[in-house]
Every structure is written in C-alpha cells, then in structure tokens.
All heavy atoms as atom14 arrays in JSON, in Angstrom:
{
  "sequence": "WDLDSRDGGVSILPPYETQTGGAWYAGTADAI",
  "atom14_mask": [
    [1, 1, 1, 1, 1, 1, 1, 1, 1, 1, 1, 1, 1, 1],
    [1, 1, 1, 1, 1, 1, 1, 1, 0, 0, 0, 0, 0, 0],
    [1, 1, 1, 1, 1, 1, 1, 1, 0, 0, 0, 0, 0, 0],
    [1, 1, 1, 1, 1, 1, 1, 1, 0, 0, 0, 0, 0, 0],
    [1, 1, 1, 1, 1, 1, 0, 0, 0, 0, 0, 0, 0, 0],
    [1, 1, 1, 1, 1, 1, 1, 1, 1, 1, 1, 0, 0, 0],
    [1, 1, 1, 1, 1, 1, 1, 1, 0, 0, 0, 0, 0, 0],
    [1, 1, 1, 1, 0, 0, 0, 0, 0, 0, 0, 0, 0, 0],
    [1, 1, 1, 1, 0, 0, 0, 0, 0, 0, 0, 0, 0, 0],
    [1, 1, 1, 1, 1, 1, 1, 0, 0, 0, 0, 0, 0, 0],
    [1, 1, 1, 1, 1, 1, 0, 0, 0, 0, 0, 0, 0, 0],
    [1, 1, 1, 1, 1, 1, 1, 1, 0, 0, 0, 0, 0, 0],
    [1, 1, 1, 1, 1, 1, 1, 1, 0, 0, 0, 0, 0, 0],
    [1, 1, 1, 1, 1, 1, 1, 0, 0, 0, 0, 0, 0, 0],
    [1, 1, 1, 1, 1, 1, 1, 0, 0, 0, 0, 0, 0, 0],
    [1, 1, 1, 1, 1, 1, 1, 1, 1, 1, 1, 1, 0, 0],
    [1, 1, 1, 1, 1, 1, 1, 1, 1, 0, 0, 0, 0, 0],
    [1, 1, 1, 1, 1, 1, 1, 0, 0, 0, 0, 0, 0, 0],
    [1, 1, 1, 1, 1, 1, 1, 1, 1, 0, 0, 0, 0, 0],
    [1, 1, 1, 1, 1, 1, 1, 0, 0, 0, 0, 0, 0, 0],
    [1, 1, 1, 1, 0, 0, 0, 0, 0, 0, 0, 0, 0, 0],
    [1, 1, 1, 1, 0, 0, 0, 0, 0, 0, 0, 0, 0, 0],
    [1, 1, 1, 1, 1, 0, 0, 0, 0, 0, 0, 0, 0, 0],
    [1, 1, 1, 1, 1, 1, 1, 1, 1, 1, 1, 1, 1, 1],
    [1, 1, 1, 1, 1, 1, 1, 1, 1, 1, 1, 1, 0, 0],
    [1, 1, 1, 1, 1, 0, 0, 0, 0, 0, 0, 0, 0, 0],
    [1, 1, 1, 1, 0, 0, 0, 0, 0, 0, 0, 0, 0, 0],
    [1, 1, 1, 1, 1, 1, 1, 0, 0, 0, 0, 0, 0, 0],
    [1, 1, 1, 1, 1, 0, 0, 0, 0, 0, 0, 0, 0, 0],
    [1, 1, 1, 1, 1, 1, 1, 1, 0, 0, 0, 0, 0, 0],
    [1, 1, 1, 1, 1, 0, 0, 0, 0, 0, 0, 0, 0, 0],
    [1, 1, 1, 1, 1, 1, 1, 1, 0, 0, 0, 0, 0, 0]
  ],
  "atom14_positions": [
    [[117.04, 175.32, 137.01], [117.67, 175.5, 138.32], [119.16, 175.16, 138.27], [119.78, 174.99, 139.33], [116.95, 174.62, 139.35], [115.48, 174.92, 139.4], [114.84, 175.83, 140.18], [114.47, 174.31, 138.57], [113.5, 175.83, 139.9], [113.24, 174.91, 138.92], [114.48, 173.33, 137.59], [112.04, 174.56, 138.3], [113.29, 172.97, 136.97], [112.08, 173.58, 137.34]],
    [[119.71, 175.04, 137.06], [121.11, 174.67, 136.87], [121.4, 173.31, 137.51], [122.46, 173.09, 138.11], [122.03, 175.75, 137.44], [123.47, 175.62, 136.92], [123.64, 175.07, 135.82], [124.4, 176.06, 137.63], [0.0, 0.0, 0.0], [0.0, 0.0, 0.0], [0.0, 0.0, 0.0], [0.0, 0.0, 0.0], [0.0, 0.0, 0.0], [0.0, 0.0, 0.0]],
    [[120.44, 172.39, 137.38], [120.58, 171.06, 137.95], [120.55, 169.99, 136.85], [119.96, 168.93, 137.01], [119.45, 170.79, 138.96], [119.49, 171.61, 140.25], [118.22, 171.4, 141.07], [120.72, 171.25, 141.09], [0.0, 0.0, 0.0], [0.0, 0.0, 0.0], [0.0, 0.0, 0.0], [0.0, 0.0, 0.0], [0.0, 0.0, 0.0], [0.0, 0.0, 0.0]],
    [[121.2, 170.31, 135.74], [121.22, 169.36, 134.62], [122.64, 168.93, 134.28], [122.97, 168.67, 133.12], [120.54, 169.96, 133.39], [121.2, 171.26, 132.93], [121.92, 171.88, 133.73], [120.99, 171.64, 131.76], [0.0, 0.0, 0.0], [0.0, 0.0, 0.0], [0.0, 0.0, 0.0], [0.0, 0.0, 0.0], [0.0, 0.0, 0.0], [0.0, 0.0, 0.0]],
    [[123.49, 168.84, 135.31], [124.88, 168.49, 135.06], [125.01, 167.04, 134.64], [124.16, 166.19, 134.96], [125.72, 168.74, 136.33], [125.31, 167.88, 137.37], [0.0, 0.0, 0.0], [0.0, 0.0, 0.0], [0.0, 0.0, 0.0], [0.0, 0.0, 0.0], [0.0, 0.0, 0.0], [0.0, 0.0, 0.0], [0.0, 0.0, 0.0], [0.0, 0.0, 0.0]],
    [[126.08, 166.72, 133.94], [126.32, 165.36, 133.48], [126.57, 164.42, 134.66], [126.13, 163.27, 134.67], [127.51, 165.34, 132.52], [127.86, 163.95, 132.0], [129.0, 164.04, 130.99], [128.65, 164.86, 129.84], [129.48, 165.13, 128.83], [130.72, 164.65, 128.86], [129.09, 165.89, 127.83], [0.0, 0.0, 0.0], [0.0, 0.0, 0.0], [0.0, 0.0, 0.0]],
    [[127.28, 164.92, 135.66], [127.62, 164.1, 136.82], [126.66, 164.42, 137.97], [127.05, 164.9, 139.03], [129.06, 164.36, 137.25], [129.51, 163.43, 138.37], [128.93, 162.34, 138.49], [130.42, 163.81, 139.13], [0.0, 0.0, 0.0], [0.0, 0.0, 0.0], [0.0, 0.0, 0.0], [0.0, 0.0, 0.0], [0.0, 0.0, 0.0], [0.0, 0.0, 0.0]],
    [[125.37, 164.21, 137.75], [124.38, 164.52, 138.77], [123.05, 164.85, 138.11], [122.57, 164.12, 137.25], [0.0, 0.0, 0.0], [0.0, 0.0, 0.0], [0.0, 0.0, 0.0], [0.0, 0.0, 0.0], [0.0, 0.0, 0.0], [0.0, 0.0, 0.0], [0.0, 0.0, 0.0], [0.0, 0.0, 0.0], [0.0, 0.0, 0.0], [0.0, 0.0, 0.0]],
    [[122.46, 165.97, 138.5], [121.22, 166.43, 137.89], [119.98, 165.98, 138.63], [120.04, 165.37, 139.7], [0.0, 0.0, 0.0], [0.0, 0.0, 0.0], [0.0, 0.0, 0.0], [0.0, 0.0, 0.0], [0.0, 0.0, 0.0], [0.0, 0.0, 0.0], [0.0, 0.0, 0.0], [0.0, 0.0, 0.0], [0.0, 0.0, 0.0], [0.0, 0.0, 0.0]],
    [[118.83, 166.27, 138.03], [117.53, 165.92, 138.59], [117.05, 164.6, 137.99], [117.16, 164.39, 136.79], [116.49, 167.03, 138.31], [115.08, 166.53, 138.58], [116.78, 168.25, 139.17], [0.0, 0.0, 0.0], [0.0, 0.0, 0.0], [0.0, 0.0, 0.0], [0.0, 0.0, 0.0], [0.0, 0.0, 0.0], [0.0, 0.0, 0.0], [0.0, 0.0, 0.0]],
    [[116.52, 163.74, 138.85], [115.89, 162.5, 138.4], [114.47, 162.45, 138.94], [114.25, 162.65, 140.14], [116.67, 161.28, 138.9], [117.98, 161.25, 138.38], [0.0, 0.0, 0.0], [0.0, 0.0, 0.0], [0.0, 0.0, 0.0], [0.0, 0.0, 0.0], [0.0, 0.0, 0.0], [0.0, 0.0, 0.0], [0.0, 0.0, 0.0], [0.0, 0.0, 0.0]],
    [[113.48, 162.23, 138.06], [112.09, 162.07, 138.47], [111.88, 160.63, 138.91], [112.18, 159.69, 138.17], [111.13, 162.42, 137.32], [111.38, 163.86, 136.83], [109.69, 162.24, 137.77], [111.06, 164.93, 137.83], [0.0, 0.0, 0.0], [0.0, 0.0, 0.0], [0.0, 0.0, 0.0], [0.0, 0.0, 0.0], [0.0, 0.0, 0.0], [0.0, 0.0, 0.0]],
    [[111.34, 160.44, 140.12], [111.22, 159.11, 140.7], [109.77, 158.82, 141.12], [109.4, 158.95, 142.28], [112.15, 158.98, 141.92], [113.64, 159.26, 141.68], [114.4, 159.28, 142.99], [114.23, 158.22, 140.73], [0.0, 0.0, 0.0], [0.0, 0.0, 0.0], [0.0, 0.0, 0.0], [0.0, 0.0, 0.0], [0.0, 0.0, 0.0], [0.0, 0.0, 0.0]],
    [[108.92, 158.41, 140.18], [107.55, 158.02, 140.53], [107.53, 156.59, 141.06], [108.51, 155.85, 140.9], [106.82, 158.12, 139.19], [107.88, 157.8, 138.18], [109.18, 158.33, 138.74], [0.0, 0.0, 0.0], [0.0, 0.0, 0.0], [0.0, 0.0, 0.0], [0.0, 0.0, 0.0], [0.0, 0.0, 0.0], [0.0, 0.0, 0.0], [0.0, 0.0, 0.0]],
    [[106.42, 156.15, 141.67], [106.31, 154.74, 142.05], [106.43, 153.85, 140.82], [106.07, 154.25, 139.72], [104.91, 154.65, 142.68], [104.55, 156.04, 143.02], [105.22, 156.92, 142.02], [0.0, 0.0, 0.0], [0.0, 0.0, 0.0], [0.0, 0.0, 0.0], [0.0, 0.0, 0.0], [0.0, 0.0, 0.0], [0.0, 0.0, 0.0], [0.0, 0.0, 0.0]],
    [[106.92, 152.64, 141.03], [107.1, 151.74, 139.88], [106.78, 150.31, 140.29], [106.7, 149.98, 141.48], [108.54, 151.83, 139.36], [109.6, 151.49, 140.39], [110.05, 150.19, 140.55], [110.13, 152.49, 141.21], [111.0, 149.86, 141.5], [111.09, 152.18, 142.17], [111.52, 150.86, 142.31], [112.46, 150.56, 143.26], [0.0, 0.0, 0.0], [0.0, 0.0, 0.0]],
    [[106.61, 149.47, 139.31], [106.27, 148.07, 139.57], [107.49, 147.19, 139.34], [108.28, 147.42, 138.43], [105.13, 147.63, 138.65], [104.56, 146.26, 138.99], [103.26, 145.97, 138.27], [102.75, 146.89, 137.59], [102.76, 144.85, 138.39], [0.0, 0.0, 0.0], [0.0, 0.0, 0.0], [0.0, 0.0, 0.0], [0.0, 0.0, 0.0], [0.0, 0.0, 0.0]],
    [[107.64, 146.18, 140.19], [108.72, 145.21, 140.07], [108.12, 143.82, 139.83], [106.9, 143.66, 139.72], [109.58, 145.18, 141.35], [108.79, 144.67, 142.42], [110.08, 146.57, 141.7], [0.0, 0.0, 0.0], [0.0, 0.0, 0.0], [0.0, 0.0, 0.0], [0.0, 0.0, 0.0], [0.0, 0.0, 0.0], [0.0, 0.0, 0.0], [0.0, 0.0, 0.0]],
    [[108.96, 142.81, 139.79], [108.48, 141.44, 139.59], [107.58, 140.97, 140.71], [106.74, 140.1, 140.53], [109.67, 140.49, 139.44], [110.45, 140.67, 138.14], [111.62, 139.72, 138.06], [112.19, 139.34, 139.07], [112.0, 139.34, 136.84], [0.0, 0.0, 0.0], [0.0, 0.0, 0.0], [0.0, 0.0, 0.0], [0.0, 0.0, 0.0], [0.0, 0.0, 0.0]],
    [[107.76, 141.55, 141.89], [106.94, 141.16, 143.04], [105.74, 142.07, 143.23], [105.02, 141.99, 144.21], [107.78, 141.18, 144.32], [108.35, 142.49, 144.51], [108.89, 140.14, 144.24], [0.0, 0.0, 0.0], [0.0, 0.0, 0.0], [0.0, 0.0, 0.0], [0.0, 0.0, 0.0], [0.0, 0.0, 0.0], [0.0, 0.0, 0.0], [0.0, 0.0, 0.0]],
    [[105.51, 142.98, 142.28], [104.37, 143.89, 142.36], [104.82, 145.32, 142.54], [106.0, 145.65, 142.43], [0.0, 0.0, 0.0], [0.0, 0.0, 0.0], [0.0, 0.0, 0.0], [0.0, 0.0, 0.0], [0.0, 0.0, 0.0], [0.0, 0.0, 0.0], [0.0, 0.0, 0.0], [0.0, 0.0, 0.0], [0.0, 0.0, 0.0], [0.0, 0.0, 0.0]],
    [[103.85, 146.17, 142.8], [104.15, 147.58, 142.99], [103.03, 148.25, 143.74], [101.92, 147.73, 143.84], [0.0, 0.0, 0.0], [0.0, 0.0, 0.0], [0.0, 0.0, 0.0], [0.0, 0.0, 0.0], [0.0, 0.0, 0.0], [0.0, 0.0, 0.0], [0.0, 0.0, 0.0], [0.0, 0.0, 0.0], [0.0, 0.0, 0.0], [0.0, 0.0, 0.0]],
    [[103.31, 149.4, 144.3], [102.3, 150.13, 145.07], [102.69, 151.59, 145.14], [103.85, 151.95, 144.97], [102.19, 149.56, 146.48], [0.0, 0.0, 0.0], [0.0, 0.0, 0.0], [0.0, 0.0, 0.0], [0.0, 0.0, 0.0], [0.0, 0.0, 0.0], [0.0, 0.0, 0.0], [0.0, 0.0, 0.0], [0.0, 0.0, 0.0], [0.0, 0.0, 0.0]],
    [[101.7, 152.43, 145.4], [101.98, 153.84, 145.63], [102.8, 153.97, 146.9], [102.8, 153.08, 147.76], [100.66, 154.61, 145.76], [100.02, 154.92, 144.46], [99.93, 154.12, 143.37], [99.39, 156.15, 144.12], [99.27, 154.76, 142.35], [98.93, 156.01, 142.78], [99.15, 157.35, 144.77], [98.25, 157.02, 142.11], [98.47, 158.36, 144.12], [98.04, 158.2, 142.8]],
    [[103.5, 155.09, 147.02], [104.25, 155.36, 148.24], [103.29, 155.38, 149.43], [102.31, 156.15, 149.44], [104.98, 156.69, 148.14], [106.01, 156.75, 147.02], [106.2, 157.92, 146.3], [106.8, 155.65, 146.71], [107.15, 158.0, 145.29], [107.75, 155.71, 145.71], [107.92, 156.89, 144.99], [108.86, 156.95, 143.99], [0.0, 0.0, 0.0], [0.0, 0.0, 0.0]],
    [[103.55, 154.56, 150.43], [102.66, 154.45, 151.58], [102.88, 155.55, 152.61], [102.01, 155.82, 153.43], [102.84, 153.09, 152.24], [0.0, 0.0, 0.0], [0.0, 0.0, 0.0], [0.0, 0.0, 0.0], [0.0, 0.0, 0.0], [0.0, 0.0, 0.0], [0.0, 0.0, 0.0], [0.0, 0.0, 0.0], [0.0, 0.0, 0.0], [0.0, 0.0, 0.0]],
    [[104.03, 156.19, 152.58], [104.36, 157.25, 153.52], [105.68, 157.87, 153.13], [106.32, 157.43, 152.16], [0.0, 0.0, 0.0], [0.0, 0.0, 0.0], [0.0, 0.0, 0.0], [0.0, 0.0, 0.0], [0.0, 0.0, 0.0], [0.0, 0.0, 0.0], [0.0, 0.0, 0.0], [0.0, 0.0, 0.0], [0.0, 0.0, 0.0], [0.0, 0.0, 0.0]],
    [[106.11, 158.87, 153.87], [107.34, 159.57, 153.51], [108.55, 158.64, 153.55], [109.42, 158.69, 152.68], [107.58, 160.77, 154.44], [107.54, 160.32, 155.81], [106.51, 161.84, 154.24], [0.0, 0.0, 0.0], [0.0, 0.0, 0.0], [0.0, 0.0, 0.0], [0.0, 0.0, 0.0], [0.0, 0.0, 0.0], [0.0, 0.0, 0.0], [0.0, 0.0, 0.0]],
    [[108.61, 157.78, 154.56], [109.74, 156.85, 154.66], [109.68, 155.8, 153.55], [110.7, 155.43, 152.96], [109.77, 156.19, 156.04], [0.0, 0.0, 0.0], [0.0, 0.0, 0.0], [0.0, 0.0, 0.0], [0.0, 0.0, 0.0], [0.0, 0.0, 0.0], [0.0, 0.0, 0.0], [0.0, 0.0, 0.0], [0.0, 0.0, 0.0], [0.0, 0.0, 0.0]],
    [[108.48, 155.31, 153.26], [108.33, 154.3, 152.21], [108.75, 154.86, 150.86], [109.32, 154.13, 150.02], [106.88, 153.82, 152.15], [106.67, 152.77, 151.08], [107.32, 151.71, 151.15], [105.87, 153.02, 150.15], [0.0, 0.0, 0.0], [0.0, 0.0, 0.0], [0.0, 0.0, 0.0], [0.0, 0.0, 0.0], [0.0, 0.0, 0.0], [0.0, 0.0, 0.0]],
    [[108.48, 156.13, 150.62], [108.9, 156.74, 149.35], [110.41, 156.66, 149.17], [110.91, 156.37, 148.07], [108.44, 158.2, 149.3], [0.0, 0.0, 0.0], [0.0, 0.0, 0.0], [0.0, 0.0, 0.0], [0.0, 0.0, 0.0], [0.0, 0.0, 0.0], [0.0, 0.0, 0.0], [0.0, 0.0, 0.0], [0.0, 0.0, 0.0], [0.0, 0.0, 0.0]],
    [[111.14, 156.89, 150.25], [112.61, 156.79, 150.17], [113.03, 155.33, 150.06], [113.94, 154.98, 149.28], [113.26, 157.46, 151.39], [112.8, 158.92, 151.53], [114.79, 157.4, 151.26], [113.13, 159.8, 150.35], [0.0, 0.0, 0.0], [0.0, 0.0, 0.0], [0.0, 0.0, 0.0], [0.0, 0.0, 0.0], [0.0, 0.0, 0.0], [0.0, 0.0, 0.0]]
  ]
}
C-alpha cells in the first residue's frame, strides 16, 4: 500500500503485557 516509508509506515499493534499485567483489548476505546 506504499506505507513502508522510513519516516512513518505501518506498525502492527497487538495487545501486550507490562509489569502490571496485560489483557486483551476490552473495547474500541481501550484498544487506543
């Protein structure tokens, strides 16, 4: 999609765990 520029591009953002734990996205706002 021509979205692989050095100053930008696509980033895949799955749920992740931190020191305080982690969880799946609970809703659209929580995902952001």
